[in-house]
C-alpha atoms as a PDB file:
ATOM      1  CA  MET A   1      -0.946 -17.743 -13.487  1.00  0.00           C
ATOM      2  CA  ARG A   2      -2.716 -14.390 -13.112  1.00  0.00           C
ATOM      3  CA  VAL A   3      -0.876 -11.298 -14.369  1.00  0.00           C
ATOM      4  CA  VAL A   4      -1.968  -7.676 -13.947  1.00  0.00           C
ATOM      5  CA  ILE A   5      -0.268  -5.015 -16.062  1.00  0.00           C
ATOM      6  CA  VAL A   6      -0.798  -1.440 -14.874  1.00  0.00           C
ATOM      7  CA  TYR A   7       0.365   1.441 -17.029  1.00  0.00           C
ATOM      8  CA  GLU A   8       0.390   5.219 -17.170  1.00  0.00           C
ATOM      9  CA  SER A   9       0.520   6.651 -20.685  1.00  0.00           C
ATOM     10  CA  MET A  10       0.387  10.196 -22.013  1.00  0.00           C
ATOM     11  CA  TYR A  11       0.614   9.786 -25.791  1.00  0.00           C
ATOM     12  CA  GLY A  12      -0.121   6.073 -26.145  1.00  0.00           C
ATOM     13  CA  ASN A  13       3.382   4.613 -26.391  1.00  0.00           C
ATOM     14  CA  THR A  14       3.420   3.129 -22.885  1.00  0.00           C
ATOM     15  CA  HIS A  15      -0.103   1.819 -23.491  1.00  0.00           C
ATOM     16  CA  LEU A  16       1.113   0.029 -26.651  1.00  0.00           C
ATOM     17  CA  ILE A  17       4.068  -1.472 -24.781  1.00  0.00           C
ATOM     18  CA  ALA A  18       1.836  -2.643 -21.899  1.00  0.00           C
ATOM     19  CA  SER A  19      -0.468  -4.372 -24.378  1.00  0.00           C
ATOM     20  CA  ALA A  20       2.473  -5.991 -26.176  1.00  0.00           C
ATOM     21  CA  ILE A  21       3.893  -7.283 -22.868  1.00  0.00           C
ATOM     22  CA  GLY A  22       0.459  -8.740 -22.100  1.00  0.00           C
ATOM     23  CA  THR A  23       0.418 -10.501 -25.461  1.00  0.00           C
ATOM     24  CA  GLY A  24       3.780 -12.042 -24.587  1.00  0.00           C
ATOM     25  CA  PHE A  25       2.244 -13.750 -21.553  1.00  0.00           C
ATOM     26  CA  LYS A  26      -0.510 -15.477 -23.530  1.00  0.00           C
ATOM     27  CA  PRO A  27      -1.508 -18.309 -23.510  1.00  0.00           C
ATOM     28  CA  ALA A  28       0.525 -19.086 -20.359  1.00  0.00           C
ATOM     29  CA  ALA A  29      -1.393 -16.631 -18.182  1.00  0.00           C
ATOM     30  CA  ASP A  30      -4.668 -14.892 -17.491  1.00  0.00           C
ATOM     31  CA  VAL A  31      -3.651 -11.299 -18.276  1.00  0.00           C
ATOM     32  CA  THR A  32      -5.378  -8.029 -17.401  1.00  0.00           C
ATOM     33  CA  VAL A  33      -3.964  -4.780 -18.833  1.00  0.00           C
ATOM     34  CA  VAL A  34      -5.358  -1.592 -17.266  1.00  0.00           C
ATOM     35  CA  PRO A  35      -4.545   2.100 -17.030  1.00  0.00           C
ATOM     36  CA  VAL A  36      -3.494   3.190 -13.555  1.00  0.00           C
ATOM     37  CA  SER A  37      -6.902   4.880 -13.079  1.00  0.00           C
ATOM     38  CA  GLU A  38      -8.561   1.417 -13.142  1.00  0.00           C
ATOM     39  CA  ALA A  39      -6.019  -0.417 -10.953  1.00  0.00           C
ATOM     40  CA  ASP A  40      -8.018  -0.778  -7.754  1.00  0.00           C
ATOM     41  CA  PRO A  41      -6.905  -2.990  -4.842  1.00  0.00           C
ATOM     42  CA  GLU A  42      -9.434  -5.715  -5.712  1.00  0.00           C
ATOM     43  CA  LEU A  43      -7.825  -6.170  -9.132  1.00  0.00           C
ATOM     44  CA  LEU A  44      -4.458  -6.922  -7.524  1.00  0.00           C
ATOM     45  CA  ARG A  45      -5.766  -9.276  -4.833  1.00  0.00           C
ATOM     46  CA  ASP A  46      -4.982 -12.641  -6.481  1.00  0.00           C
ATOM     47  CA  ALA A  47      -2.311 -11.557  -8.957  1.00  0.00           C
ATOM     48  CA  ASP A  48       0.759 -13.777  -9.177  1.00  0.00           C
ATOM     49  CA  LEU A  49       2.651 -11.043 -11.009  1.00  0.00           C
ATOM     50  CA  LEU A  50       2.175  -7.287 -11.215  1.00  0.00           C
ATOM     51  CA  VAL A  51       3.867  -5.485 -14.102  1.00  0.00           C
ATOM     52  CA  VAL A  52       3.917  -1.681 -13.840  1.00  0.00           C
ATOM     53  CA  GLY A  53       5.077   0.843 -16.413  1.00  0.00           C
ATOM     54  CA  GLY A  54       5.026   4.507 -17.226  1.00  0.00           C
ATOM     55  CA  PRO A  55       6.641   7.175 -19.361  1.00  0.00           C
ATOM     56  CA  THR A  56       9.899   8.796 -18.323  1.00  0.00           C
ATOM     57  CA  HIS A  57       9.358  12.486 -17.559  1.00  0.00           C
ATOM     58  CA  ALA A  58      12.215  14.704 -16.339  1.00  0.00           C
ATOM     59  CA  HIS A  59      14.452  11.659 -15.710  1.00  0.00           C
ATOM     60  CA  GLY A  60      11.910   9.687 -13.648  1.00  0.00           C
ATOM     61  CA  MET A  61       8.245   8.935 -13.043  1.00  0.00           C
ATOM     62  CA  SER A  62       5.815  11.606 -14.128  1.00  0.00           C
ATOM     63  CA  ARG A  63       4.560  14.219 -11.698  1.00  0.00           C
ATOM     64  CA  SER A  64       1.388  16.248 -11.794  1.00  0.00           C
ATOM     65  CA  ALA A  65       3.268  19.165 -13.376  1.00  0.00           C
ATOM     66  CA  THR A  66       4.905  17.026 -16.079  1.00  0.00           C
ATOM     67  CA  ARG A  67       1.583  15.364 -16.949  1.00  0.00           C
ATOM     68  CA  LYS A  68      -0.016  18.813 -17.195  1.00  0.00           C
ATOM     69  CA  GLY A  69       2.835  19.968 -19.439  1.00  0.00           C
ATOM     70  CA  ALA A  70       2.401  16.926 -21.687  1.00  0.00           C
ATOM     71  CA  ALA A  71      -1.332  17.621 -21.993  1.00  0.00           C
ATOM     72  CA  GLU A  72      -0.653  21.268 -22.834  1.00  0.00           C
ATOM     73  CA  ALA A  73       1.860  20.227 -25.507  1.00  0.00           C
ATOM     74  CA  ALA A  74      -0.755  17.993 -27.110  1.00  0.00           C
ATOM     75  CA  GLY A  75      -3.257  20.840 -27.034  1.00  0.00           C
ATOM     76  CA  GLN A  76      -1.094  23.251 -29.034  1.00  0.00           C
ATOM     77  CA  PRO A  77      -2.603  24.153 -32.425  1.00  0.00           C
ATOM     78  CA  ASP A  78       0.379  22.820 -34.405  1.00  0.00           C
ATOM     79  CA  SER A  79       0.828  19.685 -32.274  1.00  0.00           C
ATOM     80  CA  THR A  80       0.810  16.212 -33.806  1.00  0.00           C
ATOM     81  CA  LEU A  81       0.531  14.647 -30.342  1.00  0.00           C
ATOM     82  CA  THR A  82      -2.623  12.828 -29.258  1.00  0.00           C
ATOM     83  CA  LEU A  83      -3.372  12.191 -25.607  1.00  0.00           C
ATOM     84  CA  ASP A  84      -4.051   8.629 -24.509  1.00  0.00           C
ATOM     85  CA  PRO A  85      -7.692   8.332 -23.307  1.00  0.00           C
ATOM     86  CA  ASP A  86      -6.598   7.991 -19.653  1.00  0.00           C
ATOM     87  CA  ALA A  87      -3.766  10.532 -19.756  1.00  0.00           C
ATOM     88  CA  LEU A  88      -5.460  13.108 -17.566  1.00  0.00           C
ATOM     89  CA  GLY A  89      -6.214  10.648 -14.766  1.00  0.00           C
ATOM     90  CA  PRO A  90      -3.975   9.876 -11.797  1.00  0.00           C
ATOM     91  CA  GLY A  91      -0.358   8.976 -12.345  1.00  0.00           C
ATOM     92  CA  LEU A  92       1.724   6.167 -10.922  1.00  0.00           C
ATOM     93  CA  ARG A  93       3.053   8.342  -8.080  1.00  0.00           C
ATOM     94  CA  ASP A  94      -0.522   8.954  -6.903  1.00  0.00           C
ATOM     95  CA  TRP A  95      -1.366   5.262  -7.238  1.00  0.00           C
ATOM     96  CA  PHE A  96       1.673   4.103  -5.286  1.00  0.00           C
ATOM     97  CA  GLY A  97       0.494   6.330  -2.437  1.00  0.00           C
ATOM     98  CA  THR A  98      -2.627   4.146  -2.136  1.00  0.00           C
ATOM     99  CA  LEU A  99      -1.135   0.731  -2.907  1.00  0.00           C
ATOM    100  CA  GLY A 100      -0.555  -0.867   0.483  1.00  0.00           C
ATOM    101  CA  HIS A 101       1.610  -3.931   1.123  1.00  0.00           C
ATOM    102  CA  HIS A 102       1.608  -7.017  -1.129  1.00  0.00           C
ATOM    103  CA  GLN A 103       3.477 -10.299  -1.209  1.00  0.00           C
ATOM    104  CA  ALA A 104       3.699 -11.118  -4.884  1.00  0.00           C
ATOM    105  CA  MET A 105       6.214 -10.780  -7.684  1.00  0.00           C
ATOM    106  CA  ALA A 106       6.487  -7.675  -9.847  1.00  0.00           C
ATOM    107  CA  ALA A 107       8.335  -6.168 -12.789  1.00  0.00           C
ATOM    108  CA  ALA A 108       8.822  -2.570 -13.898  1.00  0.00           C
ATOM    109  CA  PHE A 109       9.147  -0.969 -17.316  1.00  0.00           C
ATOM    110  CA  ASP A 110       9.178   2.471 -18.850  1.00  0.00           C
ATOM    111  CA  THR A 111       9.160   4.247 -22.148  1.00  0.00           C
ATOM    112  CA  ARG A 112      11.855   6.841 -22.698  1.00  0.00           C
ATOM    113  CA  LEU A 113      13.558   8.754 -25.456  1.00  0.00           C
ATOM    114  CA  THR A 114      16.230   6.960 -27.439  1.00  0.00           C
ATOM    115  CA  GLY A 115      19.610   7.767 -25.961  1.00  0.00           C
ATOM    116  CA  PRO A 116      21.845   6.904 -23.027  1.00  0.00           C
ATOM    117  CA  PRO A 117      19.890   6.434 -19.776  1.00  0.00           C
ATOM    118  CA  ALA A 118      22.221   8.924 -18.065  1.00  0.00           C
ATOM    119  CA  LEU A 119      20.769  11.595 -20.368  1.00  0.00           C
ATOM    120  CA  THR A 120      17.155  10.438 -20.638  1.00  0.00           C
ATOM    121  CA  GLY A 121      16.539   8.990 -17.182  1.00  0.00           C
ATOM    122  CA  ARG A 122      14.525   5.828 -16.526  1.00  0.00           C
ATOM    123  CA  ALA A 123      11.149   5.849 -14.798  1.00  0.00           C
ATOM    124  CA  SER A 124      11.401   2.061 -14.424  1.00  0.00           C
ATOM    125  CA  LYS A 125      14.052   2.391 -11.713  1.00  0.00           C
ATOM    126  CA  GLY A 126      11.731   4.513  -9.558  1.00  0.00           C
ATOM    127  CA  ILE A 127       8.814   2.190 -10.305  1.00  0.00           C
ATOM    128  CA  ALA A 128      10.883  -0.822  -9.192  1.00  0.00           C
ATOM    129  CA  ARG A 129      11.932   1.004  -6.024  1.00  0.00           C
ATOM    130  CA  GLU A 130       8.264   1.738  -5.212  1.00  0.00           C
ATOM    131  CA  LEU A 131       7.258  -1.871  -5.892  1.00  0.00           C
ATOM    132  CA  ARG A 132       9.935  -3.161  -3.511  1.00  0.00           C
ATOM    133  CA  HIS A 133       8.827  -0.586  -0.910  1.00  0.00           C
ATOM    134  CA  HIS A 134       5.322  -2.100  -1.099  1.00  0.00           C
ATOM    135  CA  GLY A 135       6.602  -5.632  -0.489  1.00  0.00           C
ATOM    136  CA  PHE A 136       6.873  -6.972  -4.030  1.00  0.00           C
ATOM    137  CA  GLY A 137       9.749  -9.211  -5.029  1.00  0.00           C
ATOM    138  CA  MET A 138      11.243  -8.318  -8.383  1.00  0.00           C
ATOM    139  CA  ALA A 139      10.893 -10.926 -11.135  1.00  0.00           C
ATOM    140  CA  ALA A 140      13.246  -9.062 -13.492  1.00  0.00           C
ATOM    141  CA  ASP A 141      15.456  -6.016 -13.742  1.00  0.00           C
ATOM    142  CA  PRO A 142      13.663  -2.813 -14.802  1.00  0.00           C
ATOM    143  CA  GLU A 143      13.266  -2.569 -18.592  1.00  0.00           C
ATOM    144  CA  SER A 144      13.115   0.444 -20.927  1.00  0.00           C
ATOM    145  CA  PHE A 145      11.383   0.645 -24.294  1.00  0.00           C
ATOM    146  CA  LEU A 146      12.468   3.416 -26.627  1.00  0.00           C
ATOM    147  CA  VAL A 147      10.565   6.265 -28.222  1.00  0.00           C
ATOM    148  CA  THR A 148      11.856   8.479 -31.042  1.00  0.00           C
ATOM    149  CA  LYS A 149      12.047  12.283 -30.906  1.00  0.00           C
ATOM    150  CA  GLU A 150       8.963  12.258 -33.155  1.00  0.00           C
ATOM    151  CA  ASN A 151       7.128  10.452 -30.339  1.00  0.00           C
ATOM    152  CA  HIS A 152       6.762   7.070 -32.012  1.00  0.00           C
ATOM    153  CA  LEU A 153       7.947   3.762 -30.671  1.00  0.00           C
ATOM    154  CA  ALA A 154      11.367   2.922 -32.064  1.00  0.00           C
ATOM    155  CA  ALA A 155      11.482   0.077 -34.586  1.00  0.00           C
ATOM    156  CA  ASP A 156      10.769  -3.367 -33.137  1.00  0.00           C
ATOM    157  CA  GLU A 157       9.983  -2.113 -29.607  1.00  0.00           C
ATOM    158  CA  GLU A 158       6.543  -3.760 -29.582  1.00  0.00           C
ATOM    159  CA  ALA A 159       8.132  -7.072 -30.625  1.00  0.00           C
ATOM    160  CA  ARG A 160      10.783  -6.632 -27.946  1.00  0.00           C
ATOM    161  CA  ALA A 161       8.023  -5.974 -25.375  1.00  0.00           C
ATOM    162  CA  ARG A 162       6.204  -9.175 -26.400  1.00  0.00           C
ATOM    163  CA  ALA A 163       9.462 -11.110 -26.043  1.00  0.00           C
ATOM    164  CA  TRP A 164      10.050  -9.554 -22.596  1.00  0.00           C
ATOM    165  CA  GLY A 165       6.551 -10.670 -21.565  1.00  0.00           C
ATOM    166  CA  GLU A 166       7.336 -14.194 -22.799  1.00  0.00           C
ATOM    167  CA  ARG A 167      10.577 -14.275 -20.790  1.00  0.00           C
ATOM    168  CA  LEU A 168       8.779 -13.001 -17.684  1.00  0.00           C
ATOM    169  CA  ALA A 169       6.125 -15.707 -18.074  1.00  0.00           C
ATOM    170  CA  VAL A 170       8.771 -18.432 -18.293  1.00  0.00           C
ATOM    171  CA  GLY A 171      10.749 -17.024 -15.360  1.00  0.00           C
ATOM    172  CA  VAL A 172       7.769 -16.580 -13.052  1.00  0.00           C
ATOM    173  CA  THR A 173       6.308 -19.973 -13.952  1.00  0.00           C
ATOM    174  CA  ALA A 174       9.667 -21.681 -13.321  1.00  0.00           C
ATOM    175  CA  GLY A 175       9.978 -19.916  -9.963  1.00  0.00           C
ATOM    176  CA  ARG A 176       6.548 -21.049  -8.687  1.00  0.00           C
END
């Protein structure tokens, strides 16, 4: 099974979760984890499963303005935030505009602040909607991984992401 995990990350949390999900698929799958800036159509061509994730900004997927605001926050003199190496590249919204139609399975995830989804929002719901719009069948319900107010992954979120990857691998393999 070939799995491609595409992520958008501002401060590295979504990147860490994407990598942990990828670890959960091994050794059952050939896994490629890439930032959205490197997710070209050729990469997706033979994928059995596409997993897409991003940070929750203003209750949904990031926008150009929210990514710019996140970069400015990291650039403040008293900031403890560090931008992910690919943070200033295109976001998932831009990428979805170029995606085209596919007939494979997919799953969506996000990172969001700890708290009720009604208050924090969930980018994964919009990501799943976009994946379905592009022809993907959903292998799982959208999943959220939590980040603290101090901008660190909540305890055990990487382990939970690995376990989610393992469950996805079993589910997709069983459905083939």
